[in-house]
Protein backbone atom coordinates (compact mmCIF):
# COMPACT_ATOMS: atom_id res chain seq x y z
CA UNK A 1 25.40 213.76 -3.30
CA UNK A 2 28.93 212.25 -3.01
CA UNK A 3 29.10 212.77 0.47
CA UNK A 4 25.94 210.69 1.08
CA UNK A 5 26.97 207.87 -1.18
CA UNK A 6 30.33 207.52 0.28
CA UNK A 7 28.98 207.51 3.86
CA UNK A 8 26.08 205.27 3.25
CA UNK A 9 28.40 202.78 1.54
CA UNK A 10 30.48 202.68 4.77
CA UNK A 11 27.47 202.46 7.08
CA UNK A 12 26.46 199.31 5.11
CA UNK A 13 29.59 197.58 6.40
CA UNK A 14 29.26 198.35 10.05
CA UNK A 15 26.25 195.82 11.00
CA UNK A 16 28.61 193.01 9.21
CA UNK A 17 31.38 193.63 11.77
CA UNK A 18 30.95 190.91 14.02
CA UNK A 19 33.72 191.28 16.61
CA UNK A 20 35.05 194.19 18.54
CA UNK A 21 38.37 194.50 16.25
CA UNK A 22 36.40 194.46 13.13
CA UNK A 23 33.76 196.90 14.45
CA UNK A 24 36.69 199.26 15.37
CA UNK A 25 38.18 198.79 11.95
CA UNK A 26 34.76 199.64 10.23
CA UNK A 27 34.46 202.65 12.25
CA UNK A 28 37.76 203.79 11.12
CA UNK A 29 36.87 203.24 7.56
CA UNK A 30 33.73 205.41 8.26
CA UNK A 31 35.65 208.26 9.81
CA UNK A 32 38.11 208.05 7.10
CA UNK A 33 35.26 208.27 4.60
CA UNK A 34 33.93 211.35 6.21
CA UNK A 35 37.28 213.04 6.18
CA UNK A 36 37.49 212.27 2.54
CA UNK A 37 34.36 214.49 1.93
CA UNK A 38 35.36 217.14 4.48
CA UNK A 39 34.15 216.05 7.79
CA UNK A 40 36.93 215.66 10.49
CA UNK A 41 36.38 213.82 13.60
CA UNK A 42 36.07 216.95 15.65
CA UNK A 43 33.12 217.90 13.50
CA UNK A 44 31.39 214.64 13.92
CA UNK A 45 31.90 214.71 17.60
CA UNK A 46 30.12 218.03 17.82
CA UNK A 47 27.46 216.83 15.67
CA UNK A 48 26.71 213.77 17.68
CA UNK A 49 26.65 215.71 20.88
CA UNK A 50 24.19 217.83 19.49
CA UNK A 51 22.24 214.68 18.30
CA UNK A 52 22.48 213.50 21.87
CA UNK A 53 21.29 216.75 23.30
CA UNK A 54 18.19 216.65 20.90
CA UNK A 55 17.54 213.05 22.02
CA UNK A 56 17.62 214.17 25.64
CA UNK A 57 14.99 216.97 24.93
CA UNK A 58 12.69 214.78 23.22
CA UNK A 59 13.07 212.06 25.90
CA UNK A 60 12.57 214.64 28.62
CA UNK A 61 9.22 215.72 26.99
CA UNK A 62 7.99 212.16 26.53
CA UNK A 63 8.72 211.24 30.22
CA UNK A 64 6.54 214.32 31.06
CA UNK A 65 3.69 213.15 28.85
CA UNK A 66 3.76 209.44 30.29
CA UNK A 67 3.73 210.74 33.75
CA UNK A 68 0.83 213.03 33.02
CA UNK A 69 -1.16 210.29 31.29
CA UNK A 70 -0.52 207.94 34.24
CA UNK A 71 -1.71 210.67 36.77
CA UNK A 72 -4.84 211.27 34.38
CA UNK A 73 -5.70 207.50 34.41
CA UNK A 74 -5.20 207.25 38.14
CA UNK A 75 -7.63 210.32 38.58
CA UNK A 76 -9.98 209.16 36.01
CA UNK A 77 -13.68 208.30 37.26
CA UNK A 78 -15.41 208.00 33.99
CA UNK A 79 -16.13 205.07 31.65
CA UNK A 80 -13.90 203.57 28.81
CA UNK A 81 -11.00 202.75 31.03
CA UNK A 82 -9.59 200.47 28.30
CA UNK A 83 -8.97 203.47 25.99
CA UNK A 84 -7.21 205.42 28.71
CA UNK A 85 -5.10 202.60 29.65
CA UNK A 86 -4.21 202.18 25.99
CA UNK A 87 -2.97 205.71 25.93
CA UNK A 88 -0.79 205.20 28.88
CA UNK A 89 0.75 202.04 27.32
CA UNK A 90 1.61 204.05 24.23
CA UNK A 91 3.19 206.73 26.27
CA UNK A 92 5.31 204.12 27.96
CA UNK A 93 6.33 202.51 24.85
CA UNK A 94 7.38 206.00 23.29
CA UNK A 95 9.38 206.76 26.56
CA UNK A 96 11.12 203.56 26.17
CA UNK A 97 12.06 204.07 22.67
CA UNK A 98 13.20 207.56 23.48
CA UNK A 99 15.51 206.24 26.28
CA UNK A 100 17.02 203.61 23.94
CA UNK A 101 17.64 206.51 21.48
CA UNK A 102 19.44 208.53 24.31
CA UNK A 103 21.53 205.62 25.00
CA UNK A 104 22.48 204.88 21.43
CA UNK A 105 23.36 208.64 20.82
CA UNK A 106 25.52 208.63 23.87
CA UNK A 107 27.34 205.62 22.75
CA UNK A 108 27.70 207.20 19.36
CA UNK A 109 29.39 210.29 21.11
CA UNK A 110 31.91 208.09 22.89
CA UNK A 111 32.92 206.16 19.89
CA UNK A 112 34.06 209.18 17.90
CA UNK A 113 35.54 210.85 21.00
CA UNK A 114 37.76 207.73 21.48
CA UNK A 115 38.79 207.87 17.72
CA UNK A 116 39.38 211.53 17.87
CA UNK A 117 41.63 211.35 21.17
CA UNK A 118 43.57 208.48 19.77
CA UNK A 119 44.23 210.35 16.37
CA UNK A 120 45.08 213.40 18.31
CA UNK A 121 47.52 211.69 20.51
CA UNK A 122 49.28 210.07 17.41
CA UNK A 123 49.67 213.31 15.46
CA UNK A 124 51.16 214.95 18.54
CA UNK A 125 54.03 212.45 18.34
CA UNK A 126 54.81 213.67 14.80
CA UNK A 127 55.64 217.39 15.78
CA UNK A 128 59.15 218.30 15.54
CA UNK A 129 58.37 222.00 16.91
CA UNK A 130 58.47 221.64 20.79
CA UNK A 131 56.29 224.72 21.36
CA UNK A 132 53.68 223.71 18.82
CA UNK A 133 53.80 220.11 20.40
CA UNK A 134 53.19 221.45 23.98
CA UNK A 135 50.24 223.70 22.65
CA UNK A 136 48.74 220.72 21.08
CA UNK A 137 49.30 218.48 24.18
CA UNK A 138 47.47 221.39 26.38
CA UNK A 139 44.61 221.63 23.89
CA UNK A 140 44.14 217.82 23.86
CA UNK A 141 44.13 217.91 27.80
CA UNK A 142 41.55 220.58 27.88
CA UNK A 143 39.34 219.05 25.39
CA UNK A 144 39.46 215.66 26.94
CA UNK A 145 38.68 217.06 30.45
CA UNK A 146 35.87 219.14 28.96
CA UNK A 147 34.41 215.99 27.21
CA UNK A 148 34.82 213.73 30.37
CA UNK A 149 32.86 216.20 32.18
CA UNK A 150 30.04 216.19 29.58
CA UNK A 151 29.92 212.37 29.45
CA UNK A 152 29.48 212.14 33.30
CA UNK A 153 26.68 214.40 33.25
CA UNK A 154 25.03 212.91 30.19
CA UNK A 155 25.31 209.30 31.63
CA UNK A 156 24.01 210.37 34.89
CA UNK A 157 20.82 211.67 33.35
CA UNK A 158 20.66 208.65 31.02
CA UNK A 159 20.95 206.61 34.18
CA UNK A 160 17.80 208.19 35.62
CA UNK A 161 15.46 206.83 32.95
CA UNK A 162 15.89 203.24 33.54
CA UNK A 163 14.35 203.06 37.07
CA UNK A 164 11.53 205.46 35.95
CA UNK A 165 11.08 203.12 33.04
CA UNK A 166 10.96 200.09 35.26
CA UNK A 167 8.38 201.73 37.48
CA UNK A 168 6.19 202.79 34.52
CA UNK A 169 6.30 199.36 33.12
CA UNK A 170 5.19 197.76 36.44
CA UNK A 171 2.27 199.99 36.54
CA UNK A 172 1.34 199.25 32.80
CA UNK A 173 1.40 195.47 33.39
CA UNK A 174 -0.43 195.75 36.76
CA UNK A 175 -3.36 197.83 35.24
CA UNK A 176 -3.47 195.42 32.22
CA UNK A 177 -4.87 192.64 34.43
CA UNK A 178 -6.60 195.01 37.06
CA UNK A 179 -8.23 197.74 35.35
CA UNK A 180 -10.84 198.94 37.68
CA UNK A 181 -11.75 202.09 39.72
CA UNK A 182 -10.78 200.63 43.08
CA UNK A 183 -7.39 199.73 41.88
CA UNK A 184 -6.95 203.09 40.22
CA UNK A 185 -7.72 204.93 43.58
CA UNK A 186 -4.94 202.80 45.26
CA UNK A 187 -2.14 204.41 42.90
CA UNK A 188 -2.12 207.68 44.28
CA UNK A 189 0.95 207.17 46.15
CA UNK A 190 2.55 205.58 43.25
CA UNK A 191 1.58 208.71 41.20
CA UNK A 192 3.37 210.86 43.81
CA UNK A 193 6.19 208.58 43.70
CA UNK A 194 6.61 208.81 40.05
CA UNK A 195 6.22 212.51 39.98
CA UNK A 196 9.38 212.80 42.35
CA UNK A 197 11.32 210.27 40.07
CA UNK A 198 10.38 212.19 36.89
CA UNK A 199 11.14 215.67 38.57
CA UNK A 200 14.68 214.30 39.32
CA UNK A 201 15.18 212.84 35.77
CA UNK A 202 13.95 216.27 34.27
CA UNK A 203 16.61 218.21 36.42
CA UNK A 204 19.30 215.94 35.38
CA UNK A 205 18.17 216.09 31.72
CA UNK A 206 18.16 219.69 31.76
CA UNK A 207 21.56 219.83 33.40
CA UNK A 208 22.92 217.58 30.70
CA UNK A 209 21.41 219.60 27.97
CA UNK A 210 22.99 222.70 29.24
CA UNK A 211 26.23 220.69 29.62
CA UNK A 212 26.04 219.87 25.87
CA UNK A 213 25.30 223.38 25.00
CA UNK A 214 28.38 224.73 26.61
CA UNK A 215 30.44 221.81 25.06
CA UNK A 216 29.43 222.54 21.47
CA UNK A 217 29.90 226.25 22.17
CA UNK A 218 33.33 225.72 23.35
CA UNK A 219 34.34 223.27 20.45
CA UNK A 220 32.90 225.54 17.87
CA UNK A 221 34.77 228.64 19.50
CA UNK A 222 38.01 226.59 19.60
CA UNK A 223 37.67 225.73 15.88
CA UNK A 224 37.60 229.35 14.68
């Protein structure tokens, strides 16, 4: 309970921070509060990578669902086109929300990683034992390299979402004003193109999820 209260109190301060320096100071207070209740930055980083991985898994499923709904509408030859359109619009809105969450989770990963590496570098400077200092420097370099590899893969996958969302948005807007069987028949080529884009997105998402799995395993193994 005490952990929840302390963390919640610091979180309230974050939106009030209007400039970059204030936000950084608020984040540092947040991490300090977490450390006081037993959560080190390293643990927070692992947790946030896990959160980003989960967000990507949910986004991957949602993009699949949106694509399938678009294909189902394009192939639809019955009545009640409006209800089918509303389902597609809902899937698009959900996909957009999932994409926003992925971007937010990746930013959260980068924020805590920056704080962790900054703290680590500062503490390395405090060593008096040369061997321990070299060991810590090596571990920092390895962890940073592993982290940078992860972020590249995560951001590449995340960047795939935006053009797919843009294409879906165009189709949703177009169908809003042109919802008829003739128009639906003309969208077969678009459906094929979207399938290609979503397939590429899913491949990158799955690669990113595997990378996150490996990073978490490495970090947890190093902590033991």
